[in-house]
Amino acid sequence: MRLIRIHVDAPLAPGAQVELRGKAAEHVARVLRLKPGDSITLFNGNGSDYRSEIKDLWKGSVGVMVHAMATARAESPLALVLVQGIARGERMDLIVQKSTELGVTAIQPVAMTRSVVRLDEDTRAQKLTHWRGVAIAASEQCGRAILPAIAEPIAFARWLQQPPGAGTRRIQLAPDASASLAAAAAGAGRIELLVGPEGGLDEPERDAALAAGYRACRLGPRVLRSETAAVAALAVLQSAAGDLN
């Protein structure tokens, strides 16, 4: 039986009555065509799932009763931050979606020299809202009950000015590096993975990243697209130090 999970931005507890509106209500009533008495699972990002039941369908909203709380177990023991050079359109969406499914803790979009997409203040806010929506949909699908934090896009140079968290192992992908990605991840509890946009990092950015403590690691003999490199590298890191085995 398929488990239907819906994210809600509201407090949840057994016995609570929740009214779904907007896209959530449309998805339940029009896309899934659920009826009163059908079971769904709600989550709000606090790490728990809430077994619930549809009670009422109204025009534009759905009434739900929360029955029980269950601890979700889809989070990796590896704290994994993806520092991603902003890629264009659907490529960036794919990176956000798949990295969420692969268990990243956070995503930090960074504007780099070879980033095709240039964001002003308005488009930056719109993109951030959109990416967070992509992460919510991916979390609903993959069983995560804690949403990855997606930070506001910033310039790469500004990101490098911020000190890493305690115990963080910084890694950047570089096709000509000698160090193995899997070996560099062994035994780590927290990793920052730096992936460039289309065209990768330019030479000054690579040097600046090395100076900031990012170790250059290879990911096989082939040059991968940005979205492929991010997904493949995250899978390797989760296999080496996380929960993919």
C-alpha atoms as a PDB file:
ATOM      1  CA  MET A   1       0.000   0.000   0.000  1.00  0.00           C
ATOM      2  CA  ARG A   2       1.431   3.378  -0.996  1.00  0.00           C
ATOM      3  CA  LEU A   3       2.194   5.796   1.826  1.00  0.00           C
ATOM      4  CA  ILE A   4       0.944   9.281   0.990  1.00  0.00           C
ATOM      5  CA  ARG A   5       2.937  11.980   2.771  1.00  0.00           C
ATOM      6  CA  ILE A   6       2.014  15.669   2.818  1.00  0.00           C
ATOM      7  CA  HIS A   7       4.113  18.504   4.232  1.00  0.00           C
ATOM      8  CA  VAL A   8       2.275  21.134   6.276  1.00  0.00           C
ATOM      9  CA  ASP A   9       3.654  24.323   7.763  1.00  0.00           C
ATOM     10  CA  ALA A  10       1.799  24.002  11.051  1.00  0.00           C
ATOM     11  CA  PRO A  11       2.143  22.461  14.525  1.00  0.00           C
ATOM     12  CA  LEU A  12       1.150  18.795  14.606  1.00  0.00           C
ATOM     13  CA  ALA A  13       0.159  16.531  17.493  1.00  0.00           C
ATOM     14  CA  PRO A  14      -2.157  13.547  18.047  1.00  0.00           C
ATOM     15  CA  GLY A  15      -5.742  14.777  18.238  1.00  0.00           C
ATOM     16  CA  ALA A  16      -5.080  17.936  16.232  1.00  0.00           C
ATOM     17  CA  GLN A  17      -7.371  18.929  13.395  1.00  0.00           C
ATOM     18  CA  VAL A  18      -5.577  20.373  10.387  1.00  0.00           C
ATOM     19  CA  GLU A  19      -6.985  22.150   7.369  1.00  0.00           C
ATOM     20  CA  LEU A  20      -4.976  21.694   4.176  1.00  0.00           C
ATOM     21  CA  ARG A  21      -5.129  24.550   1.702  1.00  0.00           C
ATOM     22  CA  GLY A  22      -3.518  25.594  -1.549  1.00  0.00           C
ATOM     23  CA  LYS A  23      -1.316  23.112  -3.382  1.00  0.00           C
ATOM     24  CA  ALA A  24      -1.536  20.519  -0.595  1.00  0.00           C
ATOM     25  CA  ALA A  25      -5.329  20.468  -0.715  1.00  0.00           C
ATOM     26  CA  GLU A  26      -5.367  20.376  -4.517  1.00  0.00           C
ATOM     27  CA  HIS A  27      -2.901  17.490  -4.558  1.00  0.00           C
ATOM     28  CA  VAL A  28      -4.947  15.455  -2.067  1.00  0.00           C
ATOM     29  CA  ALA A  29      -8.391  16.149  -3.529  1.00  0.00           C
ATOM     30  CA  ARG A  30      -7.823  16.615  -7.264  1.00  0.00           C
ATOM     31  CA  VAL A  31      -4.622  14.746  -8.087  1.00  0.00           C
ATOM     32  CA  LEU A  32      -4.816  11.815  -5.679  1.00  0.00           C
ATOM     33  CA  ARG A  33      -8.643  11.927  -5.498  1.00  0.00           C
ATOM     34  CA  LEU A  34      -8.682  10.884  -1.848  1.00  0.00           C
ATOM     35  CA  LYS A  35     -11.947  10.703   0.081  1.00  0.00           C
ATOM     36  CA  PRO A  36     -13.054  11.041   3.702  1.00  0.00           C
ATOM     37  CA  GLY A  37     -11.802   8.024   5.631  1.00  0.00           C
ATOM     38  CA  ASP A  38      -8.614   7.669   3.582  1.00  0.00           C
ATOM     39  CA  SER A  39      -5.315   7.626   5.455  1.00  0.00           C
ATOM     40  CA  ILE A  40      -2.438  10.042   4.854  1.00  0.00           C
ATOM     41  CA  THR A  41       0.735  10.973   6.710  1.00  0.00           C
ATOM     42  CA  LEU A  42       1.517  14.578   7.595  1.00  0.00           C
ATOM     43  CA  PHE A  43       4.898  16.016   8.548  1.00  0.00           C
ATOM     44  CA  ASN A  44       6.122  19.516   9.312  1.00  0.00           C
ATOM     45  CA  GLY A  45       9.893  19.076   9.333  1.00  0.00           C
ATOM     46  CA  ASN A  46      10.367  18.341  13.032  1.00  0.00           C
ATOM     47  CA  GLY A  47      11.581  14.780  12.428  1.00  0.00           C
ATOM     48  CA  SER A  48       8.300  12.959  13.025  1.00  0.00           C
ATOM     49  CA  ASP A  49       5.509  11.609  10.852  1.00  0.00           C
ATOM     50  CA  TYR A  50       1.873  11.961  11.904  1.00  0.00           C
ATOM     51  CA  ARG A  51      -0.569   9.242  10.877  1.00  0.00           C
ATOM     52  CA  SER A  52      -3.770  11.016   9.908  1.00  0.00           C
ATOM     53  CA  GLU A  53      -7.187  10.573   8.346  1.00  0.00           C
ATOM     54  CA  ILE A  54      -9.131  12.718   5.918  1.00  0.00           C
ATOM     55  CA  LYS A  55     -12.356  13.850   7.535  1.00  0.00           C
ATOM     56  CA  ASP A  56     -13.857  16.435   5.182  1.00  0.00           C
ATOM     57  CA  LEU A  57     -13.464  17.796   1.687  1.00  0.00           C
ATOM     58  CA  TRP A  58     -14.474  21.380   1.008  1.00  0.00           C
ATOM     59  CA  LYS A  59     -13.973  23.630  -1.963  1.00  0.00           C
ATOM     60  CA  GLY A  60     -10.303  24.578  -1.826  1.00  0.00           C
ATOM     61  CA  SER A  61      -9.469  22.827   1.441  1.00  0.00           C
ATOM     62  CA  VAL A  62      -9.271  19.423   3.118  1.00  0.00           C
ATOM     63  CA  GLY A  63      -9.979  18.656   6.769  1.00  0.00           C
ATOM     64  CA  VAL A  64      -7.604  16.150   8.390  1.00  0.00           C
ATOM     65  CA  MET A  65      -7.525  14.543  11.845  1.00  0.00           C
ATOM     66  CA  VAL A  66      -4.124  13.607  13.294  1.00  0.00           C
ATOM     67  CA  HIS A  67      -4.171  10.232  15.086  1.00  0.00           C
ATOM     68  CA  ALA A  68      -0.619   9.259  16.075  1.00  0.00           C
ATOM     69  CA  MET A  69       3.003  10.372  15.915  1.00  0.00           C
ATOM     70  CA  ALA A  70       5.793   8.144  14.615  1.00  0.00           C
ATOM     71  CA  THR A  71       9.511   8.893  14.524  1.00  0.00           C
ATOM     72  CA  ALA A  72      10.781   8.921  10.960  1.00  0.00           C
ATOM     73  CA  ARG A  73      14.062   7.107  10.286  1.00  0.00           C
ATOM     74  CA  ALA A  74      15.141   8.489   6.922  1.00  0.00           C
ATOM     75  CA  GLU A  75      17.949  10.825   8.071  1.00  0.00           C
ATOM     76  CA  SER A  76      21.611  10.042   7.482  1.00  0.00           C
ATOM     77  CA  PRO A  77      24.151  10.017  10.331  1.00  0.00           C
ATOM     78  CA  LEU A  78      26.389  12.079   8.041  1.00  0.00           C
ATOM     79  CA  ALA A  79      25.836  15.838   8.147  1.00  0.00           C
ATOM     80  CA  LEU A  80      26.268  16.666   4.477  1.00  0.00           C
ATOM     81  CA  VAL A  81      26.212  20.222   3.109  1.00  0.00           C
ATOM     82  CA  LEU A  82      26.153  20.738  -0.657  1.00  0.00           C
ATOM     83  CA  VAL A  83      27.773  24.010  -1.744  1.00  0.00           C
ATOM     84  CA  GLN A  84      26.469  24.180  -5.290  1.00  0.00           C
ATOM     85  CA  GLY A  85      27.440  26.597  -8.033  1.00  0.00           C
ATOM     86  CA  ILE A  86      24.097  27.848  -9.352  1.00  0.00           C
ATOM     87  CA  ALA A  87      23.105  25.938 -12.469  1.00  0.00           C
ATOM     88  CA  ARG A  88      20.411  26.897 -14.926  1.00  0.00           C
ATOM     89  CA  GLY A  89      16.702  26.059 -14.656  1.00  0.00           C
ATOM     90  CA  GLU A  90      15.856  22.387 -14.626  1.00  0.00           C
ATOM     91  CA  ARG A  91      19.439  21.369 -13.870  1.00  0.00           C
ATOM     92  CA  MET A  92      19.368  23.186 -10.536  1.00  0.00           C
ATOM     93  CA  ASP A  93      15.929  21.741  -9.794  1.00  0.00           C
ATOM     94  CA  LEU A  94      17.306  18.258 -10.417  1.00  0.00           C
ATOM     95  CA  ILE A  95      20.239  18.902  -8.082  1.00  0.00           C
ATOM     96  CA  VAL A  96      17.912  20.085  -5.301  1.00  0.00           C
ATOM     97  CA  GLN A  97      15.525  17.173  -5.813  1.00  0.00           C
ATOM     98  CA  LYS A  98      18.113  14.403  -5.933  1.00  0.00           C
ATOM     99  CA  SER A  99      20.311  15.794  -3.174  1.00  0.00           C
ATOM    100  CA  THR A 100      17.245  15.909  -0.933  1.00  0.00           C
ATOM    101  CA  GLU A 101      16.526  12.274  -1.752  1.00  0.00           C
ATOM    102  CA  LEU A 102      20.174  11.446  -1.001  1.00  0.00           C
ATOM    103  CA  GLY A 103      19.901  12.925   2.471  1.00  0.00           C
ATOM    104  CA  VAL A 104      21.748  16.242   2.398  1.00  0.00           C
ATOM    105  CA  THR A 105      21.459  18.327   5.544  1.00  0.00           C
ATOM    106  CA  ALA A 106      21.685  21.655   3.740  1.00  0.00           C
ATOM    107  CA  ILE A 107      22.185  23.220   0.310  1.00  0.00           C
ATOM    108  CA  GLN A 108      24.062  26.482  -0.161  1.00  0.00           C
ATOM    109  CA  PRO A 109      23.675  27.895  -3.694  1.00  0.00           C
ATOM    110  CA  VAL A 110      26.640  30.075  -4.668  1.00  0.00           C
ATOM    111  CA  ALA A 111      27.092  32.423  -7.614  1.00  0.00           C
ATOM    112  CA  MET A 112      30.356  31.664  -9.403  1.00  0.00           C
ATOM    113  CA  THR A 113      32.259  33.074 -12.359  1.00  0.00           C
ATOM    114  CA  ARG A 114      30.915  30.464 -14.779  1.00  0.00           C
ATOM    115  CA  SER A 115      27.349  30.478 -13.456  1.00  0.00           C
ATOM    116  CA  VAL A 116      25.074  31.139 -16.415  1.00  0.00           C
ATOM    117  CA  VAL A 117      22.200  32.226 -14.158  1.00  0.00           C
ATOM    118  CA  ARG A 118      22.481  35.719 -12.666  1.00  0.00           C
ATOM    119  CA  LEU A 119      20.070  36.493  -9.844  1.00  0.00           C
ATOM    120  CA  ASP A 120      18.955  39.943  -8.745  1.00  0.00           C
ATOM    121  CA  GLU A 121      17.147  40.576  -5.465  1.00  0.00           C
ATOM    122  CA  ASP A 122      13.696  39.697  -6.827  1.00  0.00           C
ATOM    123  CA  THR A 123      14.689  36.589  -8.777  1.00  0.00           C
ATOM    124  CA  ARG A 124      16.843  35.413  -5.864  1.00  0.00           C
ATOM    125  CA  ALA A 125      13.799  35.345  -3.582  1.00  0.00           C
ATOM    126  CA  GLN A 126      11.684  33.635  -6.247  1.00  0.00           C
ATOM    127  CA  LYS A 127      14.320  30.967  -6.895  1.00  0.00           C
ATOM    128  CA  LEU A 128      14.747  30.289  -3.187  1.00  0.00           C
ATOM    129  CA  THR A 129      11.002  29.777  -2.753  1.00  0.00           C
ATOM    130  CA  HIS A 130      10.931  27.513  -5.802  1.00  0.00           C
ATOM    131  CA  TRP A 131      13.904  25.403  -4.658  1.00  0.00           C
ATOM    132  CA  ARG A 132      12.382  24.973  -1.218  1.00  0.00           C
ATOM    133  CA  GLY A 133       9.197  23.740  -2.899  1.00  0.00           C
ATOM    134  CA  VAL A 134      11.237  21.212  -4.876  1.00  0.00           C
ATOM    135  CA  ALA A 135      12.842  19.996  -1.642  1.00  0.00           C
ATOM    136  CA  ILE A 136       9.447  19.654   0.050  1.00  0.00           C
ATOM    137  CA  ALA A 137       8.073  17.557  -2.816  1.00  0.00           C
ATOM    138  CA  ALA A 138      11.192  15.363  -2.779  1.00  0.00           C
ATOM    139  CA  SER A 139      10.894  14.902   1.005  1.00  0.00           C
ATOM    140  CA  GLU A 140       7.249  13.885   0.659  1.00  0.00           C
ATOM    141  CA  GLN A 141       8.257  11.238  -1.855  1.00  0.00           C
ATOM    142  CA  CYS A 142      11.379   9.815  -0.201  1.00  0.00           C
ATOM    143  CA  GLY A 143      10.172   9.623   3.398  1.00  0.00           C
ATOM    144  CA  ARG A 144      12.232  12.395   4.985  1.00  0.00           C
ATOM    145  CA  ALA A 145      10.626  14.212   7.904  1.00  0.00           C
ATOM    146  CA  ILE A 146      13.356  16.843   8.239  1.00  0.00           C
ATOM    147  CA  LEU A 147      13.657  19.227   5.321  1.00  0.00           C
ATOM    148  CA  PRO A 148      17.126  20.158   4.089  1.00  0.00           C
ATOM    149  CA  ALA A 149      17.908  23.785   4.813  1.00  0.00           C
ATOM    150  CA  ILE A 150      18.245  25.719   1.554  1.00  0.00           C
ATOM    151  CA  ALA A 151      20.097  28.958   2.176  1.00  0.00           C
ATOM    152  CA  GLU A 152      19.789  32.197   0.267  1.00  0.00           C
ATOM    153  CA  PRO A 153      22.129  32.288  -2.741  1.00  0.00           C
ATOM    154  CA  ILE A 154      25.313  34.257  -2.127  1.00  0.00           C
ATOM    155  CA  ALA A 155      28.523  35.043  -3.991  1.00  0.00           C
ATOM    156  CA  PHE A 156      31.144  32.319  -3.765  1.00  0.00           C
ATOM    157  CA  ALA A 157      33.776  34.722  -2.421  1.00  0.00           C
ATOM    158  CA  ARG A 158      31.410  35.704   0.378  1.00  0.00           C
ATOM    159  CA  TRP A 159      30.793  32.051   1.237  1.00  0.00           C
ATOM    160  CA  LEU A 160      34.523  31.421   1.564  1.00  0.00           C
ATOM    161  CA  GLN A 161      34.760  34.202   4.159  1.00  0.00           C
ATOM    162  CA  GLN A 162      32.561  32.174   6.508  1.00  0.00           C
ATOM    163  CA  PRO A 163      34.433  29.691   8.719  1.00  0.00           C
ATOM    164  CA  PRO A 164      33.348  26.048   8.493  1.00  0.00           C
ATOM    165  CA  GLY A 165      31.542  24.418  11.367  1.00  0.00           C
ATOM    166  CA  ALA A 166      33.530  22.478  13.937  1.00  0.00           C
ATOM    167  CA  GLY A 167      34.734  19.127  12.626  1.00  0.00           C
ATOM    168  CA  THR A 168      33.759  19.890   9.030  1.00  0.00           C
ATOM    169  CA  ARG A 169      35.681  18.181   6.251  1.00  0.00           C
ATOM    170  CA  ARG A 170      35.693  20.344   3.115  1.00  0.00           C
ATOM    171  CA  ILE A 171      35.891  18.667  -0.297  1.00  0.00           C
ATOM    172  CA  GLN A 172      35.827  20.110  -3.823  1.00  0.00           C
ATOM    173  CA  LEU A 173      35.480  18.049  -6.979  1.00  0.00           C
ATOM    174  CA  ALA A 174      38.352  18.378  -9.439  1.00  0.00           C
ATOM    175  CA  PRO A 175      38.813  16.045 -12.452  1.00  0.00           C
ATOM    176  CA  ASP A 176      42.622  16.263 -12.241  1.00  0.00           C
ATOM    177  CA  ALA A 177      42.898  15.647  -8.486  1.00  0.00           C
ATOM    178  CA  SER A 178      44.827  12.654  -7.186  1.00  0.00           C
ATOM    179  CA  ALA A 179      42.863  12.088  -3.970  1.00  0.00           C
ATOM    180  CA  SER A 180      39.933   9.676  -3.990  1.00  0.00           C
ATOM    181  CA  LEU A 181      36.550  11.075  -2.970  1.00  0.00           C
ATOM    182  CA  ALA A 182      35.564   7.948  -1.043  1.00  0.00           C
ATOM    183  CA  ALA A 183      38.871   7.843   0.814  1.00  0.00           C
ATOM    184  CA  ALA A 184      38.602  11.520   1.747  1.00  0.00           C
ATOM    185  CA  ALA A 185      35.153  10.906   3.242  1.00  0.00           C
ATOM    186  CA  ALA A 186      36.098   7.910   5.391  1.00  0.00           C
ATOM    187  CA  GLY A 187      35.357   8.494   9.058  1.00  0.00           C
ATOM    188  CA  ALA A 188      33.836  11.940   8.535  1.00  0.00           C
ATOM    189  CA  GLY A 189      30.851  13.135  10.549  1.00  0.00           C
ATOM    190  CA  ARG A 190      30.280  16.376   8.655  1.00  0.00           C
ATOM    191  CA  ILE A 191      31.234  17.176   5.056  1.00  0.00           C
ATOM    192  CA  GLU A 192      30.913  20.260   2.870  1.00  0.00           C
ATOM    193  CA  LEU A 193      30.912  19.227  -0.786  1.00  0.00           C
ATOM    194  CA  LEU A 194      31.711  21.962  -3.301  1.00  0.00           C
ATOM    195  CA  VAL A 195      30.439  21.437  -6.866  1.00  0.00           C
ATOM    196  CA  GLY A 196      30.812  23.994  -9.620  1.00  0.00           C
ATOM    197  CA  PRO A 197      28.168  25.189 -12.105  1.00  0.00           C
ATOM    198  CA  GLU A 198      28.246  24.516 -15.840  1.00  0.00           C
ATOM    199  CA  GLY A 199      31.902  24.829 -16.812  1.00  0.00           C
ATOM    200  CA  GLY A 200      33.084  24.156 -13.265  1.00  0.00           C
ATOM    201  CA  LEU A 201      35.239  26.414 -11.102  1.00  0.00           C
ATOM    202  CA  ASP A 202      37.722  28.725 -12.771  1.00  0.00           C
ATOM    203  CA  GLU A 203      41.366  28.686 -11.655  1.00  0.00           C
ATOM    204  CA  PRO A 204      41.130  31.564  -9.133  1.00  0.00           C
ATOM    205  CA  GLU A 205      38.061  29.944  -7.562  1.00  0.00           C
ATOM    206  CA  ARG A 206      39.813  26.587  -7.272  1.00  0.00           C
ATOM    207  CA  ASP A 207      42.807  28.258  -5.620  1.00  0.00           C
ATOM    208  CA  ALA A 208      40.573  30.222  -3.262  1.00  0.00           C
ATOM    209  CA  ALA A 209      38.718  27.052  -2.295  1.00  0.00           C
ATOM    210  CA  LEU A 210      41.996  25.245  -1.580  1.00  0.00           C
ATOM    211  CA  ALA A 211      43.130  28.180   0.574  1.00  0.00           C
ATOM    212  CA  ALA A 212      39.831  27.948   2.478  1.00  0.00           C
ATOM    213  CA  GLY A 213      40.455  24.295   3.304  1.00  0.00           C
ATOM    214  CA  TYR A 214      38.639  22.469   0.492  1.00  0.00           C
ATOM    215  CA  ARG A 215      40.559  19.351  -0.476  1.00  0.00           C
ATOM    216  CA  ALA A 216      40.482  18.565  -4.214  1.00  0.00           C
ATOM    217  CA  CYS A 217      39.158  15.060  -4.938  1.00  0.00           C
ATOM    218  CA  ARG A 218      38.455  13.153  -8.120  1.00  0.00           C
ATOM    219  CA  LEU A 219      35.215  11.448  -9.094  1.00  0.00           C
ATOM    220  CA  GLY A 220      36.293   8.882 -11.666  1.00  0.00           C
ATOM    221  CA  PRO A 221      38.017   9.382 -15.041  1.00  0.00           C
ATOM    222  CA  ARG A 222      35.190  11.176 -16.846  1.00  0.00           C
ATOM    223  CA  VAL A 223      34.180  14.844 -16.817  1.00  0.00           C
ATOM    224  CA  LEU A 224      30.593  15.009 -15.561  1.00  0.00           C
ATOM    225  CA  ARG A 225      27.926  17.660 -15.943  1.00  0.00           C
ATOM    226  CA  SER A 226      27.302  19.710 -12.828  1.00  0.00           C
ATOM    227  CA  GLU A 227      24.019  17.977 -11.986  1.00  0.00           C
ATOM    228  CA  THR A 228      25.514  14.522 -12.602  1.00  0.00           C
ATOM    229  CA  ALA A 229      28.617  15.305 -10.535  1.00  0.00           C
ATOM    230  CA  ALA A 230      26.578  16.513  -7.557  1.00  0.00           C
ATOM    231  CA  VAL A 231      24.319  13.457  -7.491  1.00  0.00           C
ATOM    232  CA  ALA A 232      27.146  10.951  -8.059  1.00  0.00           C
ATOM    233  CA  ALA A 233      29.405  12.549  -5.444  1.00  0.00           C
ATOM    234  CA  LEU A 234      26.662  12.654  -2.824  1.00  0.00           C
ATOM    235  CA  ALA A 235      25.966   8.969  -3.400  1.00  0.00           C
ATOM    236  CA  VAL A 236      29.666   8.152  -2.963  1.00  0.00           C
ATOM    237  CA  LEU A 237      29.876  10.188   0.256  1.00  0.00           C
ATOM    238  CA  GLN A 238      26.770   8.581   1.697  1.00  0.00           C
ATOM    239  CA  SER A 239      28.148   5.167   0.815  1.00  0.00           C
ATOM    240  CA  ALA A 240      31.510   5.929   2.423  1.00  0.00           C
ATOM    241  CA  ALA A 241      30.356   7.725   5.577  1.00  0.00           C
ATOM    242  CA  GLY A 242      26.574   7.850   5.612  1.00  0.00           C
ATOM    243  CA  ASP A 243      23.661   5.474   5.208  1.00  0.00           C
ATOM    244  CA  LEU A 244      23.917   4.030   1.691  1.00  0.00           C
ATOM    245  CA  ASN A 245      25.242   0.507   1.860  1.00  0.00           C
END
